């Protein structure tokens, strides 16, 4: 004979289901935020690399100009 479910069991089960739904929603939001942060980091990496390249090129051209005047 199956056990009878009382109201407390039903309430506990509903609370668990509600909690799981909330966790899934929050997990989706967290994943979206992580993706946005990844995109921002990639953008910043590109900016840093290009800035470093411009600085290196500028310093190299300055060095060539100085060597031109010395020799």
N, C-alpha and C. Protein backbone atom coordinates (compact mmCIF):
# COMPACT_ATOMS: atom_id res chain seq x y z
N UNK A 1 0.84 -1.17 0.00
CA UNK A 1 0.00 0.00 0.00
C UNK A 1 0.90 1.25 0.00
N UNK A 2 0.71 2.15 -0.97
CA UNK A 2 1.55 3.35 -1.03
C UNK A 2 1.26 4.29 0.14
N UNK A 3 2.32 4.97 0.52
CA UNK A 3 2.16 5.91 1.64
C UNK A 3 1.37 7.12 1.17
N UNK A 4 0.56 7.65 2.08
CA UNK A 4 -0.22 8.83 1.77
C UNK A 4 0.66 10.08 1.90
N UNK A 5 0.50 11.00 0.96
CA UNK A 5 1.25 12.25 1.02
C UNK A 5 0.41 13.26 1.79
N UNK A 6 1.02 13.84 2.76
CA UNK A 6 0.29 14.86 3.50
C UNK A 6 0.66 16.24 2.95
N UNK A 7 0.07 17.25 3.49
CA UNK A 7 0.28 18.61 3.01
C UNK A 7 1.71 19.09 3.21
N UNK A 8 2.35 18.62 4.27
CA UNK A 8 3.73 19.04 4.53
C UNK A 8 4.65 18.50 3.44
N UNK A 9 4.43 17.26 3.03
CA UNK A 9 5.23 16.67 1.95
C UNK A 9 5.03 17.42 0.64
N UNK A 10 3.80 17.75 0.35
CA UNK A 10 3.50 18.50 -0.88
C UNK A 10 4.16 19.87 -0.84
N UNK A 11 4.09 20.54 0.30
CA UNK A 11 4.68 21.86 0.45
C UNK A 11 6.21 21.79 0.30
N UNK A 12 6.81 20.79 0.93
CA UNK A 12 8.26 20.62 0.83
C UNK A 12 8.67 20.35 -0.61
N UNK A 13 7.92 19.50 -1.30
CA UNK A 13 8.21 19.19 -2.69
C UNK A 13 8.09 20.44 -3.56
N UNK A 14 7.07 21.23 -3.33
CA UNK A 14 6.87 22.45 -4.11
C UNK A 14 8.01 23.44 -3.85
N UNK A 15 8.45 23.55 -2.60
CA UNK A 15 9.56 24.44 -2.29
C UNK A 15 10.84 24.00 -2.99
N UNK A 16 11.07 22.70 -3.05
CA UNK A 16 12.25 22.18 -3.74
C UNK A 16 12.16 22.50 -5.23
N UNK A 17 11.02 22.30 -5.82
CA UNK A 17 10.85 22.60 -7.25
C UNK A 17 11.05 24.09 -7.52
N UNK A 18 10.49 24.93 -6.67
CA UNK A 18 10.65 26.38 -6.84
C UNK A 18 12.13 26.77 -6.71
N UNK A 19 12.81 26.15 -5.78
CA UNK A 19 14.23 26.45 -5.59
C UNK A 19 15.05 26.03 -6.81
N UNK A 20 14.74 24.87 -7.36
CA UNK A 20 15.44 24.40 -8.55
C UNK A 20 15.20 25.31 -9.74
N UNK A 21 13.97 25.79 -9.90
CA UNK A 21 13.66 26.73 -10.98
C UNK A 21 14.46 28.01 -10.82
N UNK A 22 14.50 28.52 -9.59
CA UNK A 22 15.25 29.74 -9.32
C UNK A 22 16.74 29.54 -9.60
N UNK A 23 17.26 28.39 -9.23
CA UNK A 23 18.68 28.10 -9.48
C UNK A 23 18.98 28.05 -10.97
N UNK A 24 18.09 27.46 -11.75
CA UNK A 24 18.30 27.41 -13.21
C UNK A 24 18.29 28.81 -13.80
N UNK A 25 17.37 29.65 -13.35
CA UNK A 25 17.29 31.02 -13.86
C UNK A 25 18.57 31.77 -13.50
N UNK A 26 19.00 31.64 -12.26
CA UNK A 26 20.20 32.35 -11.82
C UNK A 26 21.44 31.82 -12.54
N UNK A 27 21.47 30.53 -12.82
CA UNK A 27 22.61 29.95 -13.54
C UNK A 27 22.68 30.50 -14.96
N UNK A 28 21.55 30.64 -15.61
CA UNK A 28 21.52 31.23 -16.97
C UNK A 28 22.02 32.66 -16.93
N UNK A 29 21.57 33.44 -15.94
CA UNK A 29 22.02 34.83 -15.82
C UNK A 29 23.52 34.89 -15.56
N UNK A 30 24.02 34.00 -14.73
CA UNK A 30 25.45 33.97 -14.43
C UNK A 30 26.25 33.65 -15.69
N UNK A 31 25.78 32.70 -16.48
CA UNK A 31 26.48 32.34 -17.71
C UNK A 31 26.50 33.51 -18.69
N UNK A 32 25.39 34.26 -18.77
CA UNK A 32 25.35 35.44 -19.63
C UNK A 32 26.36 36.48 -19.16
N UNK A 33 26.43 36.69 -17.85
CA UNK A 33 27.38 37.66 -17.31
C UNK A 33 28.81 37.23 -17.58
N UNK A 34 29.09 35.94 -17.46
CA UNK A 34 30.43 35.43 -17.73
C UNK A 34 30.79 35.66 -19.20
N UNK A 35 29.86 35.42 -20.10
CA UNK A 35 30.11 35.64 -21.53
C UNK A 35 30.39 37.12 -21.81
N UNK A 36 29.61 38.01 -21.16
CA UNK A 36 29.85 39.45 -21.34
C UNK A 36 31.22 39.85 -20.83
N UNK A 37 31.62 39.30 -19.71
CA UNK A 37 32.94 39.61 -19.15
C UNK A 37 34.03 39.09 -20.07
N UNK A 38 33.85 37.90 -20.63
CA UNK A 38 34.83 37.35 -21.57
C UNK A 38 35.00 38.28 -22.77
N UNK A 39 33.89 38.77 -23.31
CA UNK A 39 33.96 39.68 -24.46
C UNK A 39 34.70 40.96 -24.09
N UNK A 40 34.43 41.49 -22.90
CA UNK A 40 35.12 42.70 -22.47
C UNK A 40 36.61 42.47 -22.30
N UNK A 41 36.97 41.32 -21.75
CA UNK A 41 38.39 41.00 -21.56
C UNK A 41 39.08 40.86 -22.91
N UNK A 42 38.44 40.20 -23.86
CA UNK A 42 39.02 40.07 -25.20
C UNK A 42 39.22 41.43 -25.83
N UNK A 43 38.27 42.32 -25.66
CA UNK A 43 38.39 43.67 -26.20
C UNK A 43 39.56 44.40 -25.56
N UNK A 44 39.69 44.30 -24.24
CA UNK A 44 40.79 44.94 -23.54
C UNK A 44 42.13 44.35 -23.96
N UNK A 45 42.18 43.05 -24.17
CA UNK A 45 43.42 42.42 -24.62
C UNK A 45 43.85 42.99 -25.97
N UNK A 46 42.90 43.14 -26.87
CA UNK A 46 43.22 43.71 -28.19
C UNK A 46 43.74 45.13 -28.05
N UNK A 47 43.13 45.91 -27.18
CA UNK A 47 43.57 47.29 -26.99
C UNK A 47 44.99 47.33 -26.42
N UNK A 48 45.27 46.49 -25.43
CA UNK A 48 46.60 46.46 -24.80
C UNK A 48 47.65 46.01 -25.81
N UNK A 49 47.35 44.98 -26.58
CA UNK A 49 48.32 44.48 -27.56
C UNK A 49 48.59 45.52 -28.64
N UNK A 50 47.55 46.15 -29.14
CA UNK A 50 47.76 47.17 -30.18
C UNK A 50 48.50 48.38 -29.62
N UNK A 51 48.19 48.76 -28.39
CA UNK A 51 48.91 49.89 -27.78
C UNK A 51 50.39 49.55 -27.60
N UNK A 52 50.67 48.34 -27.16
CA UNK A 52 52.07 47.92 -27.00
C UNK A 52 52.77 47.92 -28.35
N UNK A 53 52.10 47.47 -29.39
CA UNK A 53 52.70 47.46 -30.73
C UNK A 53 53.01 48.88 -31.19
N UNK A 54 52.10 49.81 -30.97
CA UNK A 54 52.34 51.20 -31.37
C UNK A 54 53.51 51.80 -30.59
N UNK A 55 53.59 51.49 -29.32
CA UNK A 55 54.70 52.00 -28.51
C UNK A 55 56.03 51.43 -29.00
N UNK A 56 56.06 50.13 -29.28
CA UNK A 56 57.29 49.52 -29.77
C UNK A 56 57.69 50.10 -31.12
N UNK A 57 56.75 50.27 -32.01
CA UNK A 57 57.04 50.86 -33.32
C UNK A 57 57.53 52.30 -33.16
N UNK A 58 56.87 53.04 -32.28
CA UNK A 58 57.29 54.43 -32.05
C UNK A 58 58.70 54.51 -31.49
N UNK A 59 59.00 53.68 -30.52
CA UNK A 59 60.35 53.69 -29.95
C UNK A 59 61.38 53.23 -30.98
N UNK A 60 61.05 52.26 -31.79
CA UNK A 60 61.98 51.79 -32.81
C UNK A 60 62.24 52.89 -33.84
N UNK A 61 61.21 53.61 -34.25
CA UNK A 61 61.41 54.70 -35.20
C UNK A 61 62.21 55.82 -34.57
N UNK A 62 62.02 56.08 -33.29
CA UNK A 62 62.82 57.08 -32.59
C UNK A 62 64.27 56.65 -32.53
N UNK A 63 64.50 55.39 -32.27
CA UNK A 63 65.85 54.84 -32.24
C UNK A 63 66.51 54.94 -33.60
N UNK A 64 65.79 54.65 -34.65
CA UNK A 64 66.35 54.78 -36.01
C UNK A 64 66.69 56.23 -36.33
N UNK A 65 65.84 57.14 -35.91
CA UNK A 65 66.09 58.56 -36.14
C UNK A 65 67.35 59.00 -35.39
N UNK A 66 67.52 58.54 -34.16
CA UNK A 66 68.73 58.89 -33.40
C UNK A 66 69.99 58.32 -34.05
N UNK A 67 69.92 57.08 -34.51
CA UNK A 67 71.06 56.48 -35.20
C UNK A 67 71.38 57.22 -36.49
N UNK A 68 70.36 57.73 -37.14
CA UNK A 68 70.55 58.48 -38.39
C UNK A 68 71.35 59.74 -38.12
N UNK A 69 71.07 60.41 -37.01
CA UNK A 69 71.80 61.64 -36.68
C UNK A 69 73.21 61.35 -36.17
N UNK A 70 73.40 60.22 -35.51
CA UNK A 70 74.71 59.88 -34.97
C UNK A 70 75.64 59.44 -36.09
N UNK A 71 75.17 58.62 -37.01
CA UNK A 71 76.05 58.10 -38.06
C UNK A 71 75.83 58.88 -39.29
